[in-house]
Protein backbone atom coordinates (compact mmCIF):
# COMPACT_ATOMS: atom_id res chain seq x y z
CA UNK A 1 39.47 148.93 101.99
CA UNK A 2 37.36 149.84 99.00
CA UNK A 3 36.72 147.03 96.62
CA UNK A 4 35.35 146.55 93.15
CA UNK A 5 32.80 143.82 92.41
CA UNK A 6 33.72 141.46 89.66
CA UNK A 7 37.50 141.76 89.88
CA UNK A 8 40.19 140.30 92.07
CA UNK A 9 41.75 143.61 92.88
CA UNK A 10 41.17 146.50 95.25
CA UNK A 11 42.83 149.89 95.38
CA UNK A 12 44.45 152.37 97.68
CA UNK A 13 42.72 155.07 95.69
CA UNK A 14 39.16 156.34 95.90
CA UNK A 15 36.46 154.22 94.26
CA UNK A 16 36.33 154.84 90.53
CA UNK A 17 33.67 156.82 88.76
CA UNK A 18 31.96 154.83 86.06
CA UNK A 19 31.28 156.53 82.75
CA UNK A 20 27.90 156.08 81.13
CA UNK A 21 24.40 155.41 82.36
CA UNK A 22 24.45 152.69 84.99
CA UNK A 23 22.06 149.81 84.50
CA UNK A 24 21.65 147.85 87.69
CA UNK A 25 20.59 144.29 87.06
CA UNK A 26 20.69 141.21 89.19
CA UNK A 27 22.87 138.40 87.89
CA UNK A 28 20.80 135.21 87.70
CA UNK A 29 21.97 132.19 89.66
CA UNK A 30 21.09 129.44 87.26
CA UNK A 31 22.67 126.59 85.40
CA UNK A 32 23.68 125.80 82.73
CA UNK A 33 25.35 128.52 80.63
CA UNK A 34 23.51 130.52 77.94
CA UNK A 35 22.59 128.65 74.78
CA UNK A 36 24.40 129.19 71.48
CA UNK A 37 21.29 131.02 70.21
CA UNK A 38 22.33 133.97 72.37
CA UNK A 39 25.56 134.38 70.41
CA UNK A 40 26.45 135.99 67.09
CA UNK A 41 27.38 134.26 63.82
CA UNK A 42 31.09 133.49 63.76
CA UNK A 43 31.53 134.99 60.30
CA UNK A 44 30.44 138.47 61.40
CA UNK A 45 33.11 141.13 61.82
CA UNK A 46 32.77 143.79 64.57
CA UNK A 47 31.51 146.23 61.95
CA UNK A 48 28.83 143.81 60.70
CA UNK A 49 27.87 142.91 64.25
CA UNK A 50 27.50 146.60 65.08
CA UNK A 51 25.09 147.07 62.17
CA UNK A 52 23.06 143.97 63.05
CA UNK A 53 22.73 145.12 66.65
CA UNK A 54 21.45 148.57 65.75
CA UNK A 55 17.80 149.11 66.76
CA UNK A 56 15.45 148.65 63.81
CA UNK A 57 12.20 149.93 65.31
CA UNK A 58 11.02 153.55 64.98
CA UNK A 59 8.45 153.17 67.74
CA UNK A 60 8.76 155.62 70.63
CA UNK A 61 10.18 154.47 73.96
CA UNK A 62 7.16 153.31 76.02
CA UNK A 63 8.82 154.27 79.31
CA UNK A 64 9.13 157.88 78.25
CA UNK A 65 12.79 157.99 79.31
CA UNK A 66 15.30 159.63 77.03
CA UNK A 67 17.39 156.99 75.26
CA UNK A 68 21.00 157.93 74.58
CA UNK A 69 22.52 156.93 71.25
CA UNK A 70 25.26 154.40 71.92
CA UNK A 71 27.52 156.21 69.45
CA UNK A 72 27.43 159.25 71.76
CA UNK A 73 28.29 157.40 74.97
CA UNK A 74 31.45 159.02 76.41
CA UNK A 75 32.44 155.73 78.03
CA UNK A 76 33.09 154.15 74.60
CA UNK A 77 35.53 156.88 73.65
CA UNK A 78 37.14 156.80 77.10
CA UNK A 79 37.74 153.05 76.79
CA UNK A 80 39.08 153.52 73.27
CA UNK A 81 41.54 156.21 74.39
CA UNK A 82 42.73 154.08 77.33
CA UNK A 83 43.49 151.16 74.97
CA UNK A 84 45.17 153.51 72.48
CA UNK A 85 47.38 154.97 75.23
CA UNK A 86 48.31 151.46 76.31
CA UNK A 87 49.32 150.62 72.74
CA UNK A 88 51.48 153.76 72.73
CA UNK A 89 53.12 152.51 75.96
CA UNK A 90 52.00 155.59 77.89
CA UNK A 91 51.97 155.06 81.67
CA UNK A 92 48.47 154.34 82.97
CA UNK A 93 46.85 156.51 85.60
CA UNK A 94 45.94 153.43 87.67
CA UNK A 95 46.36 149.67 87.68
CA UNK A 96 42.97 149.13 86.02
CA UNK A 97 40.21 151.14 84.43
CA UNK A 98 36.43 150.63 84.75
CA UNK A 99 33.85 151.72 82.17
CA UNK A 100 30.05 151.52 82.26
CA UNK A 101 29.14 150.74 78.65
CA UNK A 102 25.54 149.85 79.45
CA UNK A 103 25.26 146.76 77.28
CA UNK A 104 26.46 144.61 74.39
CA UNK A 105 25.69 147.17 71.66
CA UNK A 106 28.22 149.61 73.10
CA UNK A 107 30.78 146.82 73.46
CA UNK A 108 30.34 145.94 69.77
CA UNK A 109 30.76 149.63 68.86
CA UNK A 110 34.00 149.73 70.86
CA UNK A 111 35.26 146.73 68.89
CA UNK A 112 34.32 148.46 65.63
CA UNK A 113 36.33 151.57 66.52
CA UNK A 114 39.29 149.51 67.63
CA UNK A 115 39.15 147.49 64.41
CA UNK A 116 39.15 150.66 62.30
CA UNK A 117 42.18 151.96 64.21
CA UNK A 118 44.02 148.61 64.06
CA UNK A 119 43.97 148.33 67.85
CA UNK A 120 41.73 145.28 68.15
CA UNK A 121 44.59 142.81 68.67
CA UNK A 122 46.02 145.04 71.39
CA UNK A 123 42.66 144.95 73.19
CA UNK A 124 42.31 141.18 72.85
CA UNK A 125 45.67 140.62 74.53
CA UNK A 126 44.70 142.66 77.59
CA UNK A 127 43.27 140.97 80.69
CA UNK A 128 39.74 142.20 81.07
CA UNK A 129 36.37 141.60 82.71
CA UNK A 130 33.22 142.07 80.61
CA UNK A 131 29.60 141.18 81.34
CA UNK A 132 26.84 142.23 78.95
CA UNK A 133 24.27 141.79 81.73
CA UNK A 134 25.80 144.58 83.81
CA UNK A 135 27.47 146.50 80.99
CA UNK A 136 30.66 146.91 83.05
CA UNK A 137 34.07 146.62 81.36
CA UNK A 138 37.21 146.42 83.54
CA UNK A 139 40.61 146.53 81.83
CA UNK A 140 43.70 145.49 83.77
CA UNK A 141 46.56 147.71 82.68
CA UNK A 142 49.40 146.70 85.01
CA UNK A 143 50.82 143.48 86.45
CA UNK A 144 49.55 142.20 89.77
CA UNK A 145 51.26 143.13 93.05
CA UNK A 146 54.07 141.00 94.57
CA UNK A 147 51.73 139.84 97.35
CA UNK A 148 49.11 138.73 94.85
CA UNK A 149 51.67 136.96 92.66
CA UNK A 150 53.22 135.12 95.62
CA UNK A 151 49.88 133.55 96.57
CA UNK A 152 48.97 132.84 92.97
CA UNK A 153 52.29 131.12 92.22
CA UNK A 154 52.09 129.07 95.42
CA UNK A 155 48.64 127.73 94.56
CA UNK A 156 49.67 126.88 90.99
CA UNK A 157 52.90 125.13 91.96
CA UNK A 158 51.31 123.24 94.85
CA UNK A 159 48.43 121.97 92.70
CA UNK A 160 50.83 120.67 90.04
CA UNK A 161 52.96 119.01 92.70
CA UNK A 162 49.91 117.42 94.33
CA UNK A 163 48.54 116.20 91.00
CA UNK A 164 51.88 114.47 90.38
CA UNK A 165 51.73 112.89 93.84
CA UNK A 166 48.22 111.59 93.16
CA UNK A 167 49.41 110.08 89.88
CA UNK A 168 52.17 108.23 91.73
CA UNK A 169 49.94 106.97 94.54
CA UNK A 170 47.05 106.11 92.20
CA UNK A 171 48.66 104.80 88.97
CA UNK A 172 45.24 104.33 87.39
CA UNK A 173 44.78 108.12 87.45
CA UNK A 174 48.03 108.92 85.65
CA UNK A 175 46.37 108.98 82.17
CA UNK A 176 43.96 111.59 83.49
CA UNK A 177 46.65 113.59 85.26
CA UNK A 178 48.70 113.75 82.03
CA UNK A 179 45.81 115.59 80.37
CA UNK A 180 45.60 118.30 83.05
CA UNK A 181 47.62 121.40 82.19
CA UNK A 182 47.82 124.92 83.57
CA UNK A 183 46.16 127.64 81.48
CA UNK A 184 46.88 130.60 83.78
CA UNK A 185 44.98 133.72 82.62
CA UNK A 186 43.29 132.33 79.50
CA UNK A 187 39.94 134.09 79.12
CA UNK A 188 36.67 132.40 80.07
CA UNK A 189 34.15 133.45 77.44
CA UNK A 190 30.49 133.12 76.44
CA UNK A 191 29.15 134.05 73.03
CA UNK A 192 31.19 134.74 69.91
CA UNK A 193 34.93 134.44 70.44
CA UNK A 194 35.43 137.74 68.60
CA UNK A 195 32.93 139.77 70.65
CA UNK A 196 31.83 137.71 73.67
CA UNK A 197 28.88 138.59 75.86
CA UNK A 198 30.91 137.52 78.90
CA UNK A 199 34.66 137.45 79.38
CA UNK A 200 36.81 137.12 82.47
CA UNK A 201 40.44 136.19 83.05
CA UNK A 202 40.92 134.13 86.23
CA UNK A 203 44.15 134.23 88.19
CA UNK A 204 44.73 130.56 87.45
CA UNK A 205 43.05 127.52 85.94
CA UNK A 206 43.63 123.87 85.16
CA UNK A 207 42.50 122.73 81.73
CA UNK A 208 41.75 119.20 80.57
CA UNK A 209 42.83 118.11 77.10
CA UNK A 210 39.91 116.16 75.65
CA UNK A 211 39.73 114.32 72.31
CA UNK A 212 38.09 117.17 70.39
CA UNK A 213 37.96 120.06 72.81
CA UNK A 214 39.63 121.52 75.87
CA UNK A 215 37.77 122.71 78.94
CA UNK A 216 38.88 124.25 82.23
CA UNK A 217 37.07 122.37 85.02
CA UNK A 218 39.09 124.12 87.77
CA UNK A 219 39.65 127.87 88.31
CA UNK A 220 41.01 129.90 91.19
CA UNK A 221 40.99 133.58 92.12
CA UNK A 222 43.12 135.62 94.54
CA UNK A 223 40.96 138.52 95.72
CA UNK A 224 41.70 141.63 97.74
CA UNK A 225 39.25 142.74 100.43
CA UNK A 226 36.19 141.47 98.58
CA UNK A 227 32.90 141.16 100.41
CA UNK A 228 31.41 137.66 100.53
CA UNK A 229 28.56 138.86 98.31
CA UNK A 230 30.84 140.30 95.61
CA UNK A 231 33.20 137.34 95.58
CA UNK A 232 30.32 134.86 95.48
CA UNK A 233 28.85 136.87 92.60
CA UNK A 234 32.11 136.49 90.68
CA UNK A 235 32.12 132.75 91.34
CA UNK A 236 28.52 132.45 90.12
CA UNK A 237 29.44 134.39 86.99
CA UNK A 238 32.02 131.73 86.17
CA UNK A 239 29.57 128.89 86.71
CA UNK A 240 26.74 130.63 84.84
CA UNK A 241 28.83 131.71 81.86
CA UNK A 242 31.87 129.44 81.67
CA UNK A 243 32.08 126.28 79.59
CA UNK A 244 32.86 123.10 81.50
CA UNK A 245 33.74 124.83 84.79
CA UNK A 246 33.17 122.43 87.69
CA UNK A 247 35.14 123.86 90.63
CA UNK A 248 36.32 127.33 91.75
CA UNK A 249 38.77 128.05 94.58
CA UNK A 250 39.01 131.58 96.03
CA UNK A 251 41.58 133.17 98.34
CA UNK A 252 40.40 136.45 99.86
CA UNK A 253 43.06 138.63 101.52
CA UNK A 254 42.09 141.57 103.73
CA UNK A 255 44.47 143.91 101.96
CA UNK A 256 45.78 146.97 103.80
CA UNK A 257 46.58 150.43 102.47
CA UNK A 258 50.18 151.15 101.51
CA UNK A 259 51.02 153.25 104.58
CA UNK A 260 49.69 150.47 106.84
CA UNK A 261 51.21 147.41 105.17
CA UNK A 262 54.71 148.96 105.09
CA UNK A 263 55.02 148.28 108.82
CA UNK A 264 56.78 144.98 109.51
CA UNK A 265 54.36 144.31 112.36
CA UNK A 266 51.35 144.28 110.02
CA UNK A 267 49.90 140.94 108.88
CA UNK A 268 47.13 140.25 106.40
CA UNK A 269 44.25 137.94 107.25
CA UNK A 270 43.35 135.36 104.59
CA UNK A 271 40.25 133.26 103.93
CA UNK A 272 39.83 130.33 101.53
CA UNK A 273 36.61 129.05 99.92
CA UNK A 274 35.87 126.13 97.61
CA UNK A 275 32.82 125.83 95.32
CA UNK A 276 31.89 122.89 93.10
CA UNK A 277 29.02 121.48 91.01
CA UNK A 278 27.66 117.99 91.52
CA UNK A 279 25.08 116.09 89.48
CA UNK A 280 22.52 113.57 90.64
CA UNK A 281 24.04 110.75 88.64
CA UNK A 282 27.47 111.36 90.19
CA UNK A 283 26.62 111.57 93.88
CA UNK A 284 28.03 114.01 96.40
CA UNK A 285 31.63 115.12 96.30
CA UNK A 286 33.49 113.69 99.33
CA UNK A 287 35.14 115.99 101.81
CA UNK A 288 38.54 114.60 100.86
CA UNK A 289 39.66 113.79 104.39
CA UNK A 290 40.24 110.14 103.64
CA UNK A 291 41.89 108.43 100.70
CA UNK A 292 41.06 104.87 99.82
CA UNK A 293 42.66 102.43 97.46
CA UNK A 294 42.06 103.06 93.78
CA UNK A 295 40.81 100.44 91.41
CA UNK A 296 43.58 99.17 89.14
CA UNK A 297 41.30 98.77 86.13
CA UNK A 298 40.29 102.41 85.85
CA UNK A 299 41.11 103.83 82.42
CA UNK A 300 40.22 106.97 80.49
CA UNK A 301 37.39 105.87 78.20
CA UNK A 302 36.49 109.29 76.85
CA UNK A 303 35.51 108.82 73.22
CA UNK A 304 36.00 111.20 70.33
CA UNK A 305 32.30 112.07 70.54
CA UNK A 306 32.48 113.24 74.14
CA UNK A 307 31.75 116.90 74.73
CA UNK A 308 33.87 118.14 77.62
CA UNK A 309 31.92 121.37 78.16
CA UNK A 310 28.67 121.55 80.11
CA UNK A 311 27.36 124.68 78.37
CA UNK A 312 24.94 122.62 76.28
CA UNK A 313 24.10 120.14 79.03
CA UNK A 314 20.61 120.79 80.41
CA UNK A 315 20.97 118.37 83.33
CA UNK A 316 20.26 120.04 86.64
CA UNK A 317 23.37 120.46 88.74
CA UNK A 318 23.82 121.51 92.35
CA UNK A 319 26.35 124.22 93.16
CA UNK A 320 27.76 123.83 96.67
CA UNK A 321 30.30 125.69 98.76
CA UNK A 322 32.36 122.94 100.37
CA UNK A 323 34.27 125.23 102.72
CA UNK A 324 34.94 128.84 103.76
CA UNK A 325 37.62 129.11 106.43
CA UNK A 326 40.33 131.47 107.66
CA UNK A 327 43.80 130.05 106.89
CA UNK A 328 45.71 132.95 108.49
CA UNK A 329 44.46 135.34 111.15
CA UNK A 330 45.14 139.08 111.48
CA UNK A 331 48.00 138.33 113.86
CA UNK A 332 49.87 136.42 111.14
CA UNK A 333 49.20 133.00 112.69
CA UNK A 334 48.57 130.03 110.40
CA UNK A 335 45.41 128.13 111.31
CA UNK A 336 45.08 124.38 111.57
CA UNK A 337 43.61 122.72 108.52
CA UNK A 338 43.90 122.26 104.78
CA UNK A 339 41.98 122.55 101.53
CA UNK A 340 41.22 119.00 100.34
CA UNK A 341 40.12 119.03 96.69
CA UNK A 342 38.90 115.71 95.23
CA UNK A 343 40.87 114.77 92.11
CA UNK A 344 37.65 114.56 90.11
CA UNK A 345 37.22 118.33 90.53
CA UNK A 346 39.98 118.70 87.92
CA UNK A 347 38.11 116.51 85.43
CA UNK A 348 35.28 117.44 83.07
CA UNK A 349 31.97 115.69 83.58
CA UNK A 350 32.47 113.43 80.55
CA UNK A 351 35.67 111.97 82.04
CA UNK A 352 34.48 111.57 85.63
CA UNK A 353 32.48 108.39 85.20
CA UNK A 354 35.43 106.50 83.70
CA UNK A 355 37.74 107.68 86.50
CA UNK A 356 35.46 106.73 89.40
CA UNK A 357 35.96 105.68 92.18
CA UNK A 358 39.65 106.55 92.26
CA UNK A 359 39.03 110.20 91.35
CA UNK A 360 36.67 110.59 94.31
CA UNK A 361 39.08 109.01 96.78
CA UNK A 362 42.28 110.82 95.79
CA UNK A 363 42.63 114.43 96.90
CA UNK A 364 44.81 117.42 96.09
CA UNK A 365 45.77 119.13 99.35
CA UNK A 366 46.76 122.73 100.10
CA UNK A 367 47.74 123.14 103.74
CA UNK A 368 46.75 126.29 105.62
CA UNK A 369 50.34 126.51 106.84
CA UNK A 370 51.62 126.58 103.26
CA UNK A 371 49.10 129.24 102.26
CA UNK A 372 50.01 131.32 105.32
CA UNK A 373 53.72 131.04 104.53
CA UNK A 374 53.12 132.12 100.93
CA UNK A 375 51.12 135.11 102.19
CA UNK A 376 53.93 136.05 104.60
CA UNK A 377 56.48 135.83 101.77
CA UNK A 378 54.23 137.97 99.61
CA UNK A 379 54.01 140.56 102.40
CA UNK A 380 57.81 140.77 102.54
CA UNK A 381 58.03 141.24 98.76
CA UNK A 382 55.23 143.79 98.81
CA UNK A 383 56.85 145.72 101.68
CA UNK A 384 60.16 145.84 99.81
CA UNK A 385 58.37 147.11 96.71
CA UNK A 386 56.44 149.76 98.65
CA UNK A 387 59.51 151.27 100.34
CA UNK A 388 61.95 150.89 97.43
CA UNK A 389 63.37 154.29 96.37
CA UNK A 390 62.89 155.46 92.83
CA UNK A 391 65.81 154.47 90.65
CA UNK A 392 67.31 156.66 87.97
CA UNK A 393 67.76 155.33 84.48
CA UNK A 394 71.14 153.70 83.97
CA UNK A 395 73.64 155.84 82.11
CA UNK A 396 74.66 152.93 79.87
CA UNK A 397 72.89 150.09 78.15
CA UNK A 398 73.80 146.77 76.55
CA UNK A 399 73.68 146.47 72.75
CA UNK A 400 74.58 143.56 70.47
CA UNK A 401 77.64 144.22 68.33
CA UNK A 402 78.04 140.74 66.81
CA UNK A 403 74.84 138.75 66.34
CA UNK A 404 76.54 135.66 64.96
CA UNK A 405 79.01 135.36 67.85
CA UNK A 406 76.57 136.69 70.46
CA UNK A 407 78.82 139.56 71.57
CA UNK A 408 77.40 142.49 73.54
CA UNK A 409 78.86 145.83 74.55
CA UNK A 410 77.83 148.56 76.97
CA UNK A 411 77.35 151.98 75.37
CA UNK A 412 76.35 155.32 76.84
CA UNK A 413 72.70 156.31 76.56
CA UNK A 414 71.91 159.53 74.70
CA UNK A 415 70.65 162.35 76.88
CA UNK A 416 66.90 162.75 76.93
CA UNK A 417 65.52 165.79 75.19
CA UNK A 418 63.02 167.80 77.15
CA UNK A 419 59.58 167.78 75.55
CA UNK A 420 56.41 169.60 76.42
CA UNK A 421 54.07 167.04 77.92
CA UNK A 422 50.39 167.03 77.07
CA UNK A 423 47.87 167.53 79.90
CA UNK A 424 46.32 164.36 81.28
CA UNK A 425 42.67 163.76 80.53
CA UNK A 426 40.70 164.24 83.71
CA UNK A 427 37.73 162.32 82.37
CA UNK A 428 39.43 158.93 82.23
CA UNK A 429 37.94 156.45 84.64
CA UNK A 430 40.30 155.14 87.31
CA UNK A 431 39.73 151.49 88.06
CA UNK A 432 40.45 149.47 91.15
CA UNK A 433 43.48 147.34 91.54
CA UNK A 434 46.54 146.83 93.57
CA UNK A 435 47.47 143.49 92.18
């Protein structure tokens, strides 16, 4: 299966062609996140930011290579037209679209054009992946697949259920549990909130409501046929660019092509990995196999001055992969085991010290059997979706005839008028996604 680095989705189609000059750069593996000095003033609009980013020097390029004006990059216009078509509710050519913008200047120019055309809010509501270091923009245009959603919903529901169990078994942790909420696809950003230098929308996350700020210490991703290198790169991007991220869980499914997965005999293999950051003053994160008794005098002592994001914390942290195991084999058999996540992995660093040792002893557990069952259910839903016949539009529709009484009535739809369709643009970049 082809796959696309930096996104959770793969495609049954051919790998996409990226518009624009590709700039291959290695993503640094370092902590903490970039400093605020790398961002733009909050009061700048996209137009002002575009002007401030324009090159000011008239000196020739020392490398001798021809430098293309960002205003002439076809990828900017291609991205703009894709967003415009989405706003017009035109059907997309693929589930996602990938554009090679080259860098932050082109991304700012795209924002300027969208702002002029009153499409900026449409773009901000889309799930997207953007990294100024690589210059790659990925826009997700369609909902995820049934298989992807089944796994995602299982992880979210199980984590909430387990957090509630921990709060019952460890009453001292209930004040902390009450501050943990699901944030789903909320964007993880670095830089200005209007035009970030990094932005990615995880498949799920757990946020912690602090006194003055909210952080998301825990994220998870459901990936399709990603190589270990690409998936690890995405995880490192979250740790290097996210604010307050402490733990990332990944589920990697060896996704099959449509003609293969339609067979009832086919089963997808699944692998789970868990990454977390530890600090010298906290000690190592336990493996979560044993739960001890919690101290009854543990309370949340986070003050109003606490900063629950580690982006400005220069303390050296250690990023570790706690596990990487197969939870379901290619034969559809659930493996023995579970994912044991220490409760403290759902807490920001500022709240961990006041929750210790109970937060280290209590664990949130996701059994391999449960994950395998969710994957099997997702396969059934996906198979039904793949083989479902196309359905004609219903001849009648419901309309409200009395708003005050809440009365509806079925009326016949008007016949569609035949219109001459415009040719599709062959230059649009097809992205990669099944989800």
